C-alpha atoms as a PDB file:
ATOM      1  CA  MET A   1     137.319 121.049 131.636  1.00  0.00           C
ATOM      2  CA  GLN A   2     134.102 120.131 129.922  1.00  0.00           C
ATOM      3  CA  HIS A   3     135.170 116.520 129.770  1.00  0.00           C
ATOM      4  CA  SER A   4     135.630 116.313 133.524  1.00  0.00           C
ATOM      5  CA  LEU A   5     132.129 117.717 134.306  1.00  0.00           C
ATOM      6  CA  ALA A   6     130.259 115.213 132.167  1.00  0.00           C
ATOM      7  CA  PRO A   7     131.177 112.147 134.263  1.00  0.00           C
ATOM      8  CA  ILE A   8     130.232 113.997 137.468  1.00  0.00           C
ATOM      9  CA  THR A   9     126.829 114.931 136.042  1.00  0.00           C
ATOM     10  CA  GLU A  10     126.260 111.348 134.908  1.00  0.00           C
ATOM     11  CA  ARG A  11     127.236 110.037 138.344  1.00  0.00           C
ATOM     12  CA  ARG A  12     124.785 112.430 140.007  1.00  0.00           C
ATOM     13  CA  ALA A  13     121.996 111.368 137.675  1.00  0.00           C
ATOM     14  CA  CYS A  14     122.787 107.724 138.355  1.00  0.00           C
ATOM     15  CA  ALA A  15     122.843 108.351 142.112  1.00  0.00           C
ATOM     16  CA  ASP A  16     119.464 110.112 141.890  1.00  0.00           C
ATOM     17  CA  ARG A  17     117.956 107.106 140.084  1.00  0.00           C
ATOM     18  CA  VAL A  18     119.338 104.731 142.690  1.00  0.00           C
ATOM     19  CA  ARG A  19     117.897 106.872 145.505  1.00  0.00           C
ATOM     20  CA  ARG A  20     114.464 106.881 143.834  1.00  0.00           C
ATOM     21  CA  ARG A  21     114.308 103.103 143.335  1.00  0.00           C
ATOM     22  CA  PRO A  22     113.338 102.236 146.922  1.00  0.00           C
ATOM     23  CA  ARG A  23     110.499 104.786 146.800  1.00  0.00           C
ATOM     24  CA  VAL A  24     109.222 103.413 143.505  1.00  0.00           C
ATOM     25  CA  LEU A  25     109.495  99.850 144.780  1.00  0.00           C
ATOM     26  CA  ALA A  26     107.671 100.793 147.987  1.00  0.00           C
ATOM     27  CA  ARG A  27     104.847 102.400 145.997  1.00  0.00           C
ATOM     28  CA  CYS A  28     104.516  99.350 143.765  1.00  0.00           C
ATOM     29  CA  CYS A  29     104.391  97.048 146.785  1.00  0.00           C
ATOM     30  CA  ALA A  30     101.798  99.257 148.462  1.00  0.00           C
ATOM     31  CA  LEU A  31      99.604  99.250 145.356  1.00  0.00           C
ATOM     32  CA  ALA A  32      99.891  95.473 145.011  1.00  0.00           C
ATOM     33  CA  TRP A  33      98.971  95.020 148.666  1.00  0.00           C
ATOM     34  CA  LEU A  34      95.985  97.373 148.315  1.00  0.00           C
ATOM     35  CA  GLY A  35      94.783  95.500 145.238  1.00  0.00           C
ATOM     36  CA  ALA A  36      95.041  92.163 147.046  1.00  0.00           C
ATOM     37  CA  CYS A  37      93.072  93.548 149.999  1.00  0.00           C
ATOM     38  CA  LEU A  38      90.317  94.882 147.744  1.00  0.00           C
ATOM     39  CA  LEU A  39      90.105  91.576 145.911  1.00  0.00           C
ATOM     40  CA  ALA A  40      89.858  89.686 149.203  1.00  0.00           C
ATOM     41  CA  LEU A  41      87.137  92.012 150.489  1.00  0.00           C
ATOM     42  CA  SER A  42      85.090  91.724 147.320  1.00  0.00           C
ATOM     43  CA  SER A  43      85.208  87.929 147.390  1.00  0.00           C
ATOM     44  CA  VAL A  44      84.128  87.879 151.057  1.00  0.00           C
ATOM     45  CA  HIS A  45      80.948  89.827 150.296  1.00  0.00           C
ATOM     46  CA  ALA A  46      80.133  88.172 146.985  1.00  0.00           C
ATOM     47  CA  ARG A  47      77.981  85.215 148.032  1.00  0.00           C
ATOM     48  CA  GLU A  48      75.300  84.335 145.520  1.00  0.00           C
ATOM     49  CA  ILE A  49      71.966  83.117 146.845  1.00  0.00           C
ATOM     50  CA  ASP A  50      69.644  80.856 144.872  1.00  0.00           C
ATOM     51  CA  VAL A  51      65.999  81.521 144.057  1.00  0.00           C
ATOM     52  CA  GLN A  52      64.760  79.535 147.085  1.00  0.00           C
ATOM     53  CA  GLU A  53      66.756  81.724 149.474  1.00  0.00           C
ATOM     54  CA  ALA A  54      65.454  84.846 147.710  1.00  0.00           C
ATOM     55  CA  ILE A  55      61.874  83.594 148.074  1.00  0.00           C
ATOM     56  CA  ALA A  56      62.435  82.943 151.782  1.00  0.00           C
ATOM     57  CA  GLN A  57      63.788  86.486 152.231  1.00  0.00           C
ATOM     58  CA  ALA A  58      60.828  87.989 150.353  1.00  0.00           C
ATOM     59  CA  GLN A  59      58.337  86.022 152.444  1.00  0.00           C
ATOM     60  CA  GLN A  60      60.077  87.099 155.631  1.00  0.00           C
ATOM     61  CA  GLN A  61      59.970  90.772 154.556  1.00  0.00           C
ATOM     62  CA  THR A  62      56.285  90.759 153.598  1.00  0.00           C
ATOM     63  CA  GLN A  63      54.701  87.877 155.539  1.00  0.00           C
ATOM     64  CA  GLY A  64      52.879  87.062 152.275  1.00  0.00           C
ATOM     65  CA  LYS A  65      52.275  84.200 149.859  1.00  0.00           C
ATOM     66  CA  VAL A  66      54.535  83.827 146.819  1.00  0.00           C
ATOM     67  CA  LEU A  67      52.663  84.016 143.510  1.00  0.00           C
ATOM     68  CA  SER A  68      55.656  83.799 141.151  1.00  0.00           C
ATOM     69  CA  ALA A  69      59.407  84.195 140.931  1.00  0.00           C
ATOM     70  CA  GLN A  70      61.619  85.227 138.016  1.00  0.00           C
ATOM     71  CA  THR A  71      65.356  85.453 137.535  1.00  0.00           C
ATOM     72  CA  LEU A  72      66.458  88.587 135.681  1.00  0.00           C
ATOM     73  CA  ARG A  73      69.904  89.544 134.368  1.00  0.00           C
ATOM     74  CA  LEU A  74      70.814  93.226 134.282  1.00  0.00           C
ATOM     75  CA  GLY A  75      74.261  93.301 132.712  1.00  0.00           C
ATOM     76  CA  LYS A  76      76.403  91.126 134.970  1.00  0.00           C
ATOM     77  CA  ARG A  77      73.966  91.330 137.901  1.00  0.00           C
ATOM     78  CA  LYS A  78      71.388  88.640 138.648  1.00  0.00           C
ATOM     79  CA  ILE A  79      68.164  89.756 140.356  1.00  0.00           C
ATOM     80  CA  TYR A  80      65.225  87.726 141.577  1.00  0.00           C
ATOM     81  CA  ARG A  81      61.828  89.352 140.996  1.00  0.00           C
ATOM     82  CA  ILE A  82      59.267  87.821 143.340  1.00  0.00           C
ATOM     83  CA  LYS A  83      55.557  88.550 143.198  1.00  0.00           C
ATOM     84  CA  ILE A  84      53.868  88.277 146.616  1.00  0.00           C
ATOM     85  CA  LEU A  85      50.270  88.427 147.839  1.00  0.00           C
ATOM     86  CA  THR A  86      50.400  90.320 151.143  1.00  0.00           C
ATOM     87  CA  PRO A  87      48.169  89.430 154.114  1.00  0.00           C
ATOM     88  CA  ASP A  88      45.987  92.481 153.393  1.00  0.00           C
ATOM     89  CA  GLY A  89      45.317  91.257 149.823  1.00  0.00           C
ATOM     90  CA  GLN A  90      47.699  93.459 147.845  1.00  0.00           C
ATOM     91  CA  VAL A  91      50.098  92.148 145.227  1.00  0.00           C
ATOM     92  CA  ARG A  92      53.631  93.339 145.811  1.00  0.00           C
ATOM     93  CA  ILE A  93      56.802  92.913 143.750  1.00  0.00           C
ATOM     94  CA  VAL A  94      60.008  92.327 145.705  1.00  0.00           C
ATOM     95  CA  GLN A  95      63.373  92.414 143.958  1.00  0.00           C
ATOM     96  CA  ILE A  96      66.343  90.727 145.631  1.00  0.00           C
ATOM     97  CA  ALA A  97      69.904  90.777 144.311  1.00  0.00           C
ATOM     98  CA  ALA A  98      71.449  87.337 143.975  1.00  0.00           C
ATOM     99  CA  GLU A  99      74.842  88.604 145.134  1.00  0.00           C
ATOM    100  CA  GLN A 100      74.866  89.351 148.851  1.00  0.00           C
END
């Protein structure tokens, strides 16, 4: 009798694996789709401006005169540090991220 139960148990185990495959495949497809969407969204927002665009933004924010501009790297990020003389005579530092 023991010999006849073993094939039934193996068949059940095999059937369970077959039933789980579509769920596993669906999860893998969903994760791949989510990853592709996140990659697409990150590339849409990742436009890098140059120093001239950063200067224009800083001038627009402060209505001042640019005294100097530097490009800084903080890890993988690039930041423009712009020194501005405001209309009321104060020196102000504006930092603008290159990636926008």
